[in-house]
């Protein structure tokens, strides 16, 4: 008795098969592999992207891949997700409003997300894939964000006035260190990248998804441990791609201090092999005009070269704002 004919899909040219497989989700690939031995052999598991977050399932999957001799060599992208499920209002003003209305702050759901829009996650992480179909969960909140209803300022990265600025905005328990800890992922990742000197890292994106947020721009007001780690990483030979999203808050009302210190310019100048650079800030822009600025006020204008060290990027191919 002869062997059964392979499935029709496997009889197609390999190039066509690859095009078909490329649009499959990871769950689709796994389901197809268990249908028969032919697909199990034709579709080996492949992991080019892994996730780290505060979720235990994401961490478990990351560790399993990292300890697998085959899978760990396939990984070309690591995403650190700083978003966490909120337990209640983050801002002191929100907390007071909830209490005045007779609501329990612990019952509040998250409002913004780095996971994408409701039912449309940017990445189907192990945590998201484990949820039942149609399961509603509070969208995680990561870094402070800015919008018309919440005019949140970017507070100093290094405190010069004690903890008052942080406690006035985020409550009595917030300190300068607790505020910096909101960007825990950035701090840990840059430190790890500096320590891994024997690894070639060519791309880094510090960003968010569909909300006005990013790395606190006040990190460029003065030198700090985190600033020095960021600069040390940008110096690495072969680093060619940087996507930088900045949370600027009401920076325009503070004479653009984070841009004018020169620290952002000096940091970017270290990336002499850079080929792709894109910058996005949390300032709202509509129809090509910044919404927080008063038109025709010269004080709001400064030279582009204050920020961008174009002369230090001889290999630059893409520049986006």
C-alpha atoms as a PDB file:
ATOM      1  CA  UNK A   1       0.000   0.000   0.000  1.00  0.00           C
ATOM      2  CA  UNK A   2       1.502   3.341  -1.090  1.00  0.00           C
ATOM      3  CA  UNK A   3       1.939   6.406   1.068  1.00  0.00           C
ATOM      4  CA  UNK A   4      -1.006   8.845   1.057  1.00  0.00           C
ATOM      5  CA  UNK A   5      -0.637  11.920  -1.110  1.00  0.00           C
ATOM      6  CA  UNK A   6       0.456  15.037   0.770  1.00  0.00           C
ATOM      7  CA  UNK A   7      -2.129  17.770   1.381  1.00  0.00           C
ATOM      8  CA  UNK A   8      -2.820  20.000  -1.606  1.00  0.00           C
ATOM      9  CA  UNK A   9      -1.195  22.965   0.129  1.00  0.00           C
ATOM     10  CA  UNK A  10       2.102  21.084   0.390  1.00  0.00           C
ATOM     11  CA  UNK A  11       1.994  20.272  -3.321  1.00  0.00           C
ATOM     12  CA  UNK A  12       2.298  23.939  -4.215  1.00  0.00           C
ATOM     13  CA  UNK A  13       5.719  25.451  -5.035  1.00  0.00           C
ATOM     14  CA  UNK A  14       7.643  26.354  -1.891  1.00  0.00           C
ATOM     15  CA  UNK A  15       7.628  30.067  -2.765  1.00  0.00           C
ATOM     16  CA  UNK A  16       3.818  30.106  -2.824  1.00  0.00           C
ATOM     17  CA  UNK A  17       3.651  28.134   0.405  1.00  0.00           C
ATOM     18  CA  UNK A  18       5.942  30.653   2.095  1.00  0.00           C
ATOM     19  CA  UNK A  19       3.731  33.548   0.962  1.00  0.00           C
ATOM     20  CA  UNK A  20       0.682  31.794   2.420  1.00  0.00           C
ATOM     21  CA  UNK A  21       2.374  30.964   5.705  1.00  0.00           C
ATOM     22  CA  UNK A  22       3.625  34.545   6.088  1.00  0.00           C
ATOM     23  CA  UNK A  23       0.086  35.852   6.727  1.00  0.00           C
ATOM     24  CA  UNK A  24      -0.729  33.206   9.348  1.00  0.00           C
ATOM     25  CA  UNK A  25      -0.836  34.108  13.016  1.00  0.00           C
ATOM     26  CA  UNK A  26       1.273  32.022  15.392  1.00  0.00           C
ATOM     27  CA  UNK A  27      -1.882  30.267  16.607  1.00  0.00           C
ATOM     28  CA  UNK A  28      -2.782  29.344  13.016  1.00  0.00           C
ATOM     29  CA  UNK A  29       0.635  27.789  12.461  1.00  0.00           C
ATOM     30  CA  UNK A  30       0.369  25.748  15.648  1.00  0.00           C
ATOM     31  CA  UNK A  31      -3.138  24.540  14.768  1.00  0.00           C
ATOM     32  CA  UNK A  32      -2.035  23.559  11.276  1.00  0.00           C
ATOM     33  CA  UNK A  33       0.933  21.616  12.620  1.00  0.00           C
ATOM     34  CA  UNK A  34      -1.285  19.312  14.687  1.00  0.00           C
ATOM     35  CA  UNK A  35      -3.564  18.361  11.783  1.00  0.00           C
ATOM     36  CA  UNK A  36      -1.154  15.788  10.355  1.00  0.00           C
ATOM     37  CA  UNK A  37       2.481  14.674  10.390  1.00  0.00           C
ATOM     38  CA  UNK A  38       3.102  16.223   6.957  1.00  0.00           C
ATOM     39  CA  UNK A  39       2.318  19.735   8.188  1.00  0.00           C
ATOM     40  CA  UNK A  40       4.198  19.047  11.420  1.00  0.00           C
ATOM     41  CA  UNK A  41       7.360  18.427   9.395  1.00  0.00           C
ATOM     42  CA  UNK A  42       6.755  21.136   6.797  1.00  0.00           C
ATOM     43  CA  UNK A  43       6.069  23.911   9.327  1.00  0.00           C
ATOM     44  CA  UNK A  44       8.717  23.954  12.054  1.00  0.00           C
ATOM     45  CA  UNK A  45       8.082  26.309  14.944  1.00  0.00           C
ATOM     46  CA  UNK A  46       9.800  29.652  14.546  1.00  0.00           C
ATOM     47  CA  UNK A  47      10.130  32.500  17.043  1.00  0.00           C
ATOM     48  CA  UNK A  48      11.623  35.727  15.705  1.00  0.00           C
ATOM     49  CA  UNK A  49       9.945  37.994  18.285  1.00  0.00           C
ATOM     50  CA  UNK A  50       9.667  37.526  22.061  1.00  0.00           C
ATOM     51  CA  UNK A  51       8.090  39.595  24.824  1.00  0.00           C
ATOM     52  CA  UNK A  52       9.046  40.638  28.341  1.00  0.00           C
ATOM     53  CA  UNK A  53       6.490  42.202  30.666  1.00  0.00           C
ATOM     54  CA  UNK A  54       5.190  42.041  34.218  1.00  0.00           C
ATOM     55  CA  UNK A  55       2.885  39.176  33.194  1.00  0.00           C
ATOM     56  CA  UNK A  56       4.097  35.791  34.451  1.00  0.00           C
ATOM     57  CA  UNK A  57       2.979  33.916  31.316  1.00  0.00           C
ATOM     58  CA  UNK A  58       4.967  36.250  29.065  1.00  0.00           C
ATOM     59  CA  UNK A  59       8.015  35.715  31.278  1.00  0.00           C
ATOM     60  CA  UNK A  60       7.588  31.917  31.297  1.00  0.00           C
ATOM     61  CA  UNK A  61       7.384  31.760  27.498  1.00  0.00           C
ATOM     62  CA  UNK A  62      10.382  34.084  27.179  1.00  0.00           C
ATOM     63  CA  UNK A  63      12.456  31.860  29.477  1.00  0.00           C
ATOM     64  CA  UNK A  64      11.419  28.699  27.629  1.00  0.00           C
ATOM     65  CA  UNK A  65      12.535  30.162  24.305  1.00  0.00           C
ATOM     66  CA  UNK A  66      15.743  31.565  25.801  1.00  0.00           C
ATOM     67  CA  UNK A  67      16.707  28.139  27.167  1.00  0.00           C
ATOM     68  CA  UNK A  68      15.914  26.251  23.936  1.00  0.00           C
ATOM     69  CA  UNK A  69      19.033  25.655  21.854  1.00  0.00           C
ATOM     70  CA  UNK A  70      17.198  26.032  18.522  1.00  0.00           C
ATOM     71  CA  UNK A  71      14.530  28.634  19.228  1.00  0.00           C
ATOM     72  CA  UNK A  72      16.776  31.142  20.986  1.00  0.00           C
ATOM     73  CA  UNK A  73      18.946  31.540  17.887  1.00  0.00           C
ATOM     74  CA  UNK A  74      15.880  32.482  15.816  1.00  0.00           C
ATOM     75  CA  UNK A  75      15.023  35.557  17.902  1.00  0.00           C
ATOM     76  CA  UNK A  76      15.816  38.866  16.213  1.00  0.00           C
ATOM     77  CA  UNK A  77      13.495  41.180  18.163  1.00  0.00           C
ATOM     78  CA  UNK A  78      12.806  41.568  21.892  1.00  0.00           C
ATOM     79  CA  UNK A  79       9.887  43.734  23.003  1.00  0.00           C
ATOM     80  CA  UNK A  80       9.741  44.980  26.578  1.00  0.00           C
ATOM     81  CA  UNK A  81       6.182  45.944  27.435  1.00  0.00           C
ATOM     82  CA  UNK A  82       6.080  48.391  30.353  1.00  0.00           C
ATOM     83  CA  UNK A  83       2.266  48.452  30.477  1.00  0.00           C
ATOM     84  CA  UNK A  84       0.507  47.060  33.529  1.00  0.00           C
ATOM     85  CA  UNK A  85      -3.125  46.573  34.424  1.00  0.00           C
ATOM     86  CA  UNK A  86      -4.141  49.565  36.505  1.00  0.00           C
ATOM     87  CA  UNK A  87      -5.637  49.089  39.942  1.00  0.00           C
ATOM     88  CA  UNK A  88      -7.188  52.540  40.090  1.00  0.00           C
ATOM     89  CA  UNK A  89      -6.741  56.226  39.163  1.00  0.00           C
ATOM     90  CA  UNK A  90      -3.089  57.186  38.860  1.00  0.00           C
ATOM     91  CA  UNK A  91      -3.333  60.957  39.179  1.00  0.00           C
ATOM     92  CA  UNK A  92      -4.073  62.563  42.540  1.00  0.00           C
ATOM     93  CA  UNK A  93      -6.791  64.728  40.966  1.00  0.00           C
ATOM     94  CA  UNK A  94      -8.516  61.669  39.489  1.00  0.00           C
ATOM     95  CA  UNK A  95      -8.320  59.886  42.832  1.00  0.00           C
ATOM     96  CA  UNK A  96      -9.968  62.797  44.635  1.00  0.00           C
ATOM     97  CA  UNK A  97     -12.731  63.013  42.023  1.00  0.00           C
ATOM     98  CA  UNK A  98     -13.483  59.315  42.394  1.00  0.00           C
ATOM     99  CA  UNK A  99     -13.688  59.616  46.161  1.00  0.00           C
ATOM    100  CA  UNK A 100     -15.913  62.713  45.940  1.00  0.00           C
ATOM    101  CA  UNK A 101     -18.289  60.788  43.669  1.00  0.00           C
ATOM    102  CA  UNK A 102     -18.452  57.944  46.176  1.00  0.00           C
ATOM    103  CA  UNK A 103     -16.558  55.484  43.967  1.00  0.00           C
ATOM    104  CA  UNK A 104     -13.879  53.070  45.065  1.00  0.00           C
ATOM    105  CA  UNK A 105     -10.632  53.959  43.267  1.00  0.00           C
ATOM    106  CA  UNK A 106      -9.745  50.275  43.212  1.00  0.00           C
ATOM    107  CA  UNK A 107     -12.684  49.613  40.866  1.00  0.00           C
ATOM    108  CA  UNK A 108     -11.527  51.973  38.112  1.00  0.00           C
ATOM    109  CA  UNK A 109     -10.600  50.540  34.718  1.00  0.00           C
ATOM    110  CA  UNK A 110      -7.678  51.653  32.611  1.00  0.00           C
ATOM    111  CA  UNK A 111      -8.354  54.276  29.980  1.00  0.00           C
ATOM    112  CA  UNK A 112      -5.358  54.388  27.655  1.00  0.00           C
ATOM    113  CA  UNK A 113      -3.146  51.601  26.389  1.00  0.00           C
ATOM    114  CA  UNK A 114       0.089  50.614  24.788  1.00  0.00           C
ATOM    115  CA  UNK A 115      -1.619  47.381  23.738  1.00  0.00           C
ATOM    116  CA  UNK A 116      -3.588  49.049  20.943  1.00  0.00           C
ATOM    117  CA  UNK A 117      -7.271  49.728  20.696  1.00  0.00           C
ATOM    118  CA  UNK A 118      -9.915  47.620  22.391  1.00  0.00           C
ATOM    119  CA  UNK A 119     -10.043  44.141  20.786  1.00  0.00           C
ATOM    120  CA  UNK A 120      -7.158  45.145  18.495  1.00  0.00           C
ATOM    121  CA  UNK A 121      -3.908  44.471  20.382  1.00  0.00           C
ATOM    122  CA  UNK A 122      -0.772  45.590  18.617  1.00  0.00           C
ATOM    123  CA  UNK A 123       0.908  42.282  19.489  1.00  0.00           C
ATOM    124  CA  UNK A 124      -0.695  38.966  20.344  1.00  0.00           C
ATOM    125  CA  UNK A 125       1.527  38.245  23.311  1.00  0.00           C
ATOM    126  CA  UNK A 126       1.238  34.944  25.200  1.00  0.00           C
ATOM    127  CA  UNK A 127      -0.884  36.774  27.778  1.00  0.00           C
ATOM    128  CA  UNK A 128      -3.301  38.089  25.138  1.00  0.00           C
ATOM    129  CA  UNK A 129      -3.509  34.749  23.311  1.00  0.00           C
ATOM    130  CA  UNK A 130      -4.389  33.008  26.579  1.00  0.00           C
ATOM    131  CA  UNK A 131      -7.543  35.096  27.024  1.00  0.00           C
ATOM    132  CA  UNK A 132     -10.827  33.478  25.933  1.00  0.00           C
ATOM    133  CA  UNK A 133     -12.318  34.804  22.647  1.00  0.00           C
ATOM    134  CA  UNK A 134     -14.151  38.079  23.235  1.00  0.00           C
ATOM    135  CA  UNK A 135     -12.708  38.471  26.721  1.00  0.00           C
ATOM    136  CA  UNK A 136     -12.780  42.105  27.887  1.00  0.00           C
ATOM    137  CA  UNK A 137      -9.939  43.278  30.082  1.00  0.00           C
ATOM    138  CA  UNK A 138      -8.871  46.743  31.216  1.00  0.00           C
ATOM    139  CA  UNK A 139      -6.388  48.082  28.706  1.00  0.00           C
ATOM    140  CA  UNK A 140      -2.960  48.316  30.346  1.00  0.00           C
ATOM    141  CA  UNK A 141      -1.457  51.688  31.166  1.00  0.00           C
ATOM    142  CA  UNK A 142       2.262  52.240  30.840  1.00  0.00           C
ATOM    143  CA  UNK A 143       3.969  55.629  30.789  1.00  0.00           C
ATOM    144  CA  UNK A 144       2.231  58.933  31.590  1.00  0.00           C
ATOM    145  CA  UNK A 145       0.371  60.262  28.562  1.00  0.00           C
ATOM    146  CA  UNK A 146      -0.913  63.629  27.373  1.00  0.00           C
ATOM    147  CA  UNK A 147      -4.263  64.581  25.872  1.00  0.00           C
ATOM    148  CA  UNK A 148      -6.760  67.442  25.885  1.00  0.00           C
ATOM    149  CA  UNK A 149      -8.560  66.111  28.950  1.00  0.00           C
ATOM    150  CA  UNK A 150      -5.413  65.318  30.953  1.00  0.00           C
ATOM    151  CA  UNK A 151      -2.820  68.071  30.591  1.00  0.00           C
ATOM    152  CA  UNK A 152      -0.098  66.162  32.401  1.00  0.00           C
ATOM    153  CA  UNK A 153       3.309  67.791  32.504  1.00  0.00           C
ATOM    154  CA  UNK A 154       6.617  65.963  32.226  1.00  0.00           C
ATOM    155  CA  UNK A 155       8.224  66.222  35.660  1.00  0.00           C
ATOM    156  CA  UNK A 156      11.993  66.486  36.247  1.00  0.00           C
ATOM    157  CA  UNK A 157      13.900  63.218  35.905  1.00  0.00           C
ATOM    158  CA  UNK A 158      16.321  64.340  38.617  1.00  0.00           C
ATOM    159  CA  UNK A 159      14.583  66.158  41.457  1.00  0.00           C
ATOM    160  CA  UNK A 160      15.774  69.613  42.458  1.00  0.00           C
ATOM    161  CA  UNK A 161      12.814  70.469  44.707  1.00  0.00           C
ATOM    162  CA  UNK A 162      12.340  67.307  46.736  1.00  0.00           C
ATOM    163  CA  UNK A 163       9.275  65.161  46.159  1.00  0.00           C
ATOM    164  CA  UNK A 164       6.676  67.946  46.065  1.00  0.00           C
ATOM    165  CA  UNK A 165       6.225  68.039  42.253  1.00  0.00           C
ATOM    166  CA  UNK A 166       5.612  64.294  42.127  1.00  0.00           C
ATOM    167  CA  UNK A 167       3.302  64.165  45.146  1.00  0.00           C
ATOM    168  CA  UNK A 168       1.215  67.076  43.881  1.00  0.00           C
ATOM    169  CA  UNK A 169       0.515  65.159  40.678  1.00  0.00           C
ATOM    170  CA  UNK A 170       0.567  61.499  41.685  1.00  0.00           C
ATOM    171  CA  UNK A 171      -0.210  61.503  45.399  1.00  0.00           C
ATOM    172  CA  UNK A 172       1.592  61.518  48.734  1.00  0.00           C
ATOM    173  CA  UNK A 173       3.372  58.206  48.151  1.00  0.00           C
ATOM    174  CA  UNK A 174       5.071  59.254  44.908  1.00  0.00           C
ATOM    175  CA  UNK A 175       8.762  60.121  45.133  1.00  0.00           C
ATOM    176  CA  UNK A 176      11.290  61.054  42.471  1.00  0.00           C
ATOM    177  CA  UNK A 177      12.457  57.438  42.343  1.00  0.00           C
ATOM    178  CA  UNK A 178       8.882  56.132  42.099  1.00  0.00           C
ATOM    179  CA  UNK A 179       8.286  58.544  39.222  1.00  0.00           C
ATOM    180  CA  UNK A 180      11.382  57.341  37.353  1.00  0.00           C
ATOM    181  CA  UNK A 181      10.214  53.775  37.973  1.00  0.00           C
ATOM    182  CA  UNK A 182       7.285  54.424  35.635  1.00  0.00           C
ATOM    183  CA  UNK A 183       9.893  54.013  32.886  1.00  0.00           C
ATOM    184  CA  UNK A 184      11.243  50.820  34.434  1.00  0.00           C
ATOM    185  CA  UNK A 185      11.552  49.066  31.073  1.00  0.00           C
ATOM    186  CA  UNK A 186      13.712  51.810  29.577  1.00  0.00           C
ATOM    187  CA  UNK A 187      15.989  51.852  32.603  1.00  0.00           C
ATOM    188  CA  UNK A 188      16.481  48.082  32.715  1.00  0.00           C
ATOM    189  CA  UNK A 189      16.871  47.634  28.967  1.00  0.00           C
ATOM    190  CA  UNK A 190      19.492  50.364  28.524  1.00  0.00           C
ATOM    191  CA  UNK A 191      21.456  49.030  31.514  1.00  0.00           C
ATOM    192  CA  UNK A 192      21.333  45.491  30.100  1.00  0.00           C
ATOM    193  CA  UNK A 193      22.400  46.690  26.652  1.00  0.00           C
ATOM    194  CA  UNK A 194      25.400  48.494  28.108  1.00  0.00           C
ATOM    195  CA  UNK A 195      26.431  45.402  30.063  1.00  0.00           C
ATOM    196  CA  UNK A 196      26.158  43.124  26.991  1.00  0.00           C
ATOM    197  CA  UNK A 197      29.178  44.546  25.218  1.00  0.00           C
ATOM    198  CA  UNK A 198      29.780  41.337  23.254  1.00  0.00           C
ATOM    199  CA  UNK A 199      26.374  41.484  21.542  1.00  0.00           C
ATOM    200  CA  UNK A 200      25.636  43.359  18.324  1.00  0.00           C
ATOM    201  CA  UNK A 201      22.423  45.352  18.683  1.00  0.00           C
ATOM    202  CA  UNK A 202      21.589  47.339  15.549  1.00  0.00           C
ATOM    203  CA  UNK A 203      18.090  48.677  16.272  1.00  0.00           C
ATOM    204  CA  UNK A 204      16.277  50.238  19.227  1.00  0.00           C
ATOM    205  CA  UNK A 205      12.747  51.643  19.369  1.00  0.00           C
ATOM    206  CA  UNK A 206      11.601  53.470  22.497  1.00  0.00           C
ATOM    207  CA  UNK A 207       7.964  54.059  21.745  1.00  0.00           C
ATOM    208  CA  UNK A 208       4.271  53.653  22.343  1.00  0.00           C
ATOM    209  CA  UNK A 209       1.202  52.724  20.342  1.00  0.00           C
ATOM    210  CA  UNK A 210      -1.562  55.179  19.459  1.00  0.00           C
ATOM    211  CA  UNK A 211      -1.273  57.367  22.559  1.00  0.00           C
ATOM    212  CA  UNK A 212       0.637  60.592  23.213  1.00  0.00           C
ATOM    213  CA  UNK A 213       3.425  59.355  25.411  1.00  0.00           C
ATOM    214  CA  UNK A 214       7.002  58.149  25.344  1.00  0.00           C
ATOM    215  CA  UNK A 215      10.256  58.482  27.232  1.00  0.00           C
ATOM    216  CA  UNK A 216      10.213  61.434  29.636  1.00  0.00           C
ATOM    217  CA  UNK A 217      12.010  64.232  27.772  1.00  0.00           C
ATOM    218  CA  UNK A 218      13.234  65.654  31.087  1.00  0.00           C
ATOM    219  CA  UNK A 219      15.880  62.930  31.145  1.00  0.00           C
ATOM    220  CA  UNK A 220      17.791  65.291  28.840  1.00  0.00           C
ATOM    221  CA  UNK A 221      17.729  68.207  31.305  1.00  0.00           C
ATOM    222  CA  UNK A 222      20.909  67.019  32.998  1.00  0.00           C
ATOM    223  CA  UNK A 223      23.113  63.960  33.224  1.00  0.00           C
ATOM    224  CA  UNK A 224      21.930  60.957  35.199  1.00  0.00           C
ATOM    225  CA  UNK A 225      22.668  57.238  35.394  1.00  0.00           C
ATOM    226  CA  UNK A 226      19.960  56.491  32.833  1.00  0.00           C
ATOM    227  CA  UNK A 227      21.179  59.225  30.488  1.00  0.00           C
ATOM    228  CA  UNK A 228      24.741  57.927  30.661  1.00  0.00           C
ATOM    229  CA  UNK A 229      23.558  54.372  29.896  1.00  0.00           C
ATOM    230  CA  UNK A 230      21.614  55.627  26.881  1.00  0.00           C
ATOM    231  CA  UNK A 231      24.639  57.536  25.582  1.00  0.00           C
ATOM    232  CA  UNK A 232      26.951  54.564  26.138  1.00  0.00           C
ATOM    233  CA  UNK A 233      24.658  52.358  24.080  1.00  0.00           C
ATOM    234  CA  UNK A 234      24.359  54.844  21.209  1.00  0.00           C
ATOM    235  CA  UNK A 235      28.161  54.818  20.905  1.00  0.00           C
ATOM    236  CA  UNK A 236      28.166  51.143  19.940  1.00  0.00           C
ATOM    237  CA  UNK A 237      29.637  50.479  16.476  1.00  0.00           C
ATOM    238  CA  UNK A 238      27.078  49.233  13.966  1.00  0.00           C
ATOM    239  CA  UNK A 239      24.040  50.751  15.674  1.00  0.00           C
ATOM    240  CA  UNK A 240      21.945  52.039  12.785  1.00  0.00           C
ATOM    241  CA  UNK A 241      18.226  52.380  13.681  1.00  0.00           C
ATOM    242  CA  UNK A 242      16.676  54.544  16.416  1.00  0.00           C
ATOM    243  CA  UNK A 243      13.002  55.280  16.939  1.00  0.00           C
ATOM    244  CA  UNK A 244      12.503  57.732  19.804  1.00  0.00           C
ATOM    245  CA  UNK A 245       9.120  58.770  21.198  1.00  0.00           C
ATOM    246  CA  UNK A 246       9.237  61.522  23.822  1.00  0.00           C
ATOM    247  CA  UNK A 247       6.672  62.489  26.438  1.00  0.00           C
ATOM    248  CA  UNK A 248       7.051  66.277  26.462  1.00  0.00           C
ATOM    249  CA  UNK A 249       4.059  67.337  28.572  1.00  0.00           C
ATOM    250  CA  UNK A 250       3.983  71.144  28.694  1.00  0.00           C
ATOM    251  CA  UNK A 251       7.610  71.574  27.677  1.00  0.00           C
ATOM    252  CA  UNK A 252       6.809  74.573  25.479  1.00  0.00           C
ATOM    253  CA  UNK A 253       5.828  76.494  28.642  1.00  0.00           C
ATOM    254  CA  UNK A 254       9.262  75.814  30.121  1.00  0.00           C
ATOM    255  CA  UNK A 255      11.345  77.334  27.307  1.00  0.00           C
ATOM    256  CA  UNK A 256      11.994  73.920  25.724  1.00  0.00           C
ATOM    257  CA  UNK A 257      14.499  73.254  28.503  1.00  0.00           C
ATOM    258  CA  UNK A 258      15.039  69.604  27.572  1.00  0.00           C
ATOM    259  CA  UNK A 259      15.961  70.534  24.005  1.00  0.00           C
ATOM    260  CA  UNK A 260      18.104  73.559  24.793  1.00  0.00           C
ATOM    261  CA  UNK A 261      20.436  71.948  27.338  1.00  0.00           C
ATOM    262  CA  UNK A 262      22.299  70.226  24.512  1.00  0.00           C
ATOM    263  CA  UNK A 263      22.164  66.813  26.197  1.00  0.00           C
ATOM    264  CA  UNK A 264      19.751  65.341  23.639  1.00  0.00           C
ATOM    265  CA  UNK A 265      21.925  66.665  20.811  1.00  0.00           C
ATOM    266  CA  UNK A 266      25.087  65.283  22.405  1.00  0.00           C
ATOM    267  CA  UNK A 267      23.510  61.873  22.984  1.00  0.00           C
ATOM    268  CA  UNK A 268      22.329  61.533  19.392  1.00  0.00           C
ATOM    269  CA  UNK A 269      25.736  62.667  18.131  1.00  0.00           C
ATOM    270  CA  UNK A 270      27.260  59.460  19.515  1.00  0.00           C
ATOM    271  CA  UNK A 271      25.352  57.297  17.006  1.00  0.00           C
ATOM    272  CA  UNK A 272      27.751  57.908  14.134  1.00  0.00           C
ATOM    273  CA  UNK A 273      26.654  54.784  12.214  1.00  0.00           C
ATOM    274  CA  UNK A 274      22.980  55.770  12.283  1.00  0.00           C
ATOM    275  CA  UNK A 275      21.013  55.123   9.078  1.00  0.00           C
ATOM    276  CA  UNK A 276      17.406  55.526  10.264  1.00  0.00           C
ATOM    277  CA  UNK A 277      16.153  58.050  12.802  1.00  0.00           C
ATOM    278  CA  UNK A 278      12.584  58.986  13.690  1.00  0.00           C
ATOM    279  CA  UNK A 279      11.356  61.262  16.469  1.00  0.00           C
ATOM    280  CA  UNK A 280       7.824  61.619  17.795  1.00  0.00           C
ATOM    281  CA  UNK A 281       6.657  63.747  20.709  1.00  0.00           C
ATOM    282  CA  UNK A 282       3.432  63.885  22.686  1.00  0.00           C
ATOM    283  CA  UNK A 283       2.664  67.427  21.531  1.00  0.00           C
ATOM    284  CA  UNK A 284      -0.655  67.450  19.697  1.00  0.00           C
ATOM    285  CA  UNK A 285      -0.355  68.490  16.052  1.00  0.00           C
ATOM    286  CA  UNK A 286      -3.445  69.088  13.915  1.00  0.00           C
ATOM    287  CA  UNK A 287      -3.399  70.185  10.270  1.00  0.00           C
ATOM    288  CA  UNK A 288       0.332  70.748  10.515  1.00  0.00           C
ATOM    289  CA  UNK A 289       0.135  73.134  13.480  1.00  0.00           C
ATOM    290  CA  UNK A 290       1.034  72.477  17.142  1.00  0.00           C
ATOM    291  CA  UNK A 291      -2.122  72.953  19.195  1.00  0.00           C
ATOM    292  CA  UNK A 292      -0.453  74.107  22.432  1.00  0.00           C
ATOM    293  CA  UNK A 293       1.523  76.966  20.881  1.00  0.00           C
ATOM    294  CA  UNK A 294       0.454  80.561  20.327  1.00  0.00           C
ATOM    295  CA  UNK A 295       0.838  81.342  16.600  1.00  0.00           C
ATOM    296  CA  UNK A 296       3.638  83.669  15.496  1.00  0.00           C
ATOM    297  CA  UNK A 297       5.390  83.734  18.865  1.00  0.00           C
ATOM    298  CA  UNK A 298       9.121  83.781  18.102  1.00  0.00           C
ATOM    299  CA  UNK A 299      10.023  82.446  21.536  1.00  0.00           C
ATOM    300  CA  UNK A 300       8.611  79.082  20.541  1.00  0.00           C
ATOM    301  CA  UNK A 301      11.053  78.746  17.648  1.00  0.00           C
ATOM    302  CA  UNK A 302      14.561  77.316  17.832  1.00  0.00           C
ATOM    303  CA  UNK A 303      17.024  75.917  15.252  1.00  0.00           C
ATOM    304  CA  UNK A 304      16.555  72.281  14.292  1.00  0.00           C
ATOM    305  CA  UNK A 305      20.282  71.714  14.756  1.00  0.00           C
ATOM    306  CA  UNK A 306      19.765  72.399  18.468  1.00  0.00           C
ATOM    307  CA  UNK A 307      18.475  68.831  18.643  1.00  0.00           C
ATOM    308  CA  UNK A 308      19.713  66.987  15.573  1.00  0.00           C
ATOM    309  CA  UNK A 309      23.474  66.516  15.006  1.00  0.00           C
ATOM    310  CA  UNK A 310      23.143  66.041  11.262  1.00  0.00           C
ATOM    311  CA  UNK A 311      26.886  66.462  10.677  1.00  0.00           C
ATOM    312  CA  UNK A 312      27.529  63.379  12.834  1.00  0.00           C
ATOM    313  CA  UNK A 313      25.284  61.108  10.739  1.00  0.00           C
ATOM    314  CA  UNK A 314      27.124  60.568   7.443  1.00  0.00           C
ATOM    315  CA  UNK A 315      25.240  57.314   6.748  1.00  0.00           C
ATOM    316  CA  UNK A 316      21.724  58.633   7.432  1.00  0.00           C
ATOM    317  CA  UNK A 317      19.108  57.452   4.912  1.00  0.00           C
ATOM    318  CA  UNK A 318      15.830  58.137   6.713  1.00  0.00           C
ATOM    319  CA  UNK A 319      14.921  61.111   8.890  1.00  0.00           C
ATOM    320  CA  UNK A 320      11.391  61.441  10.228  1.00  0.00           C
ATOM    321  CA  UNK A 321       9.590  63.720  12.668  1.00  0.00           C
END
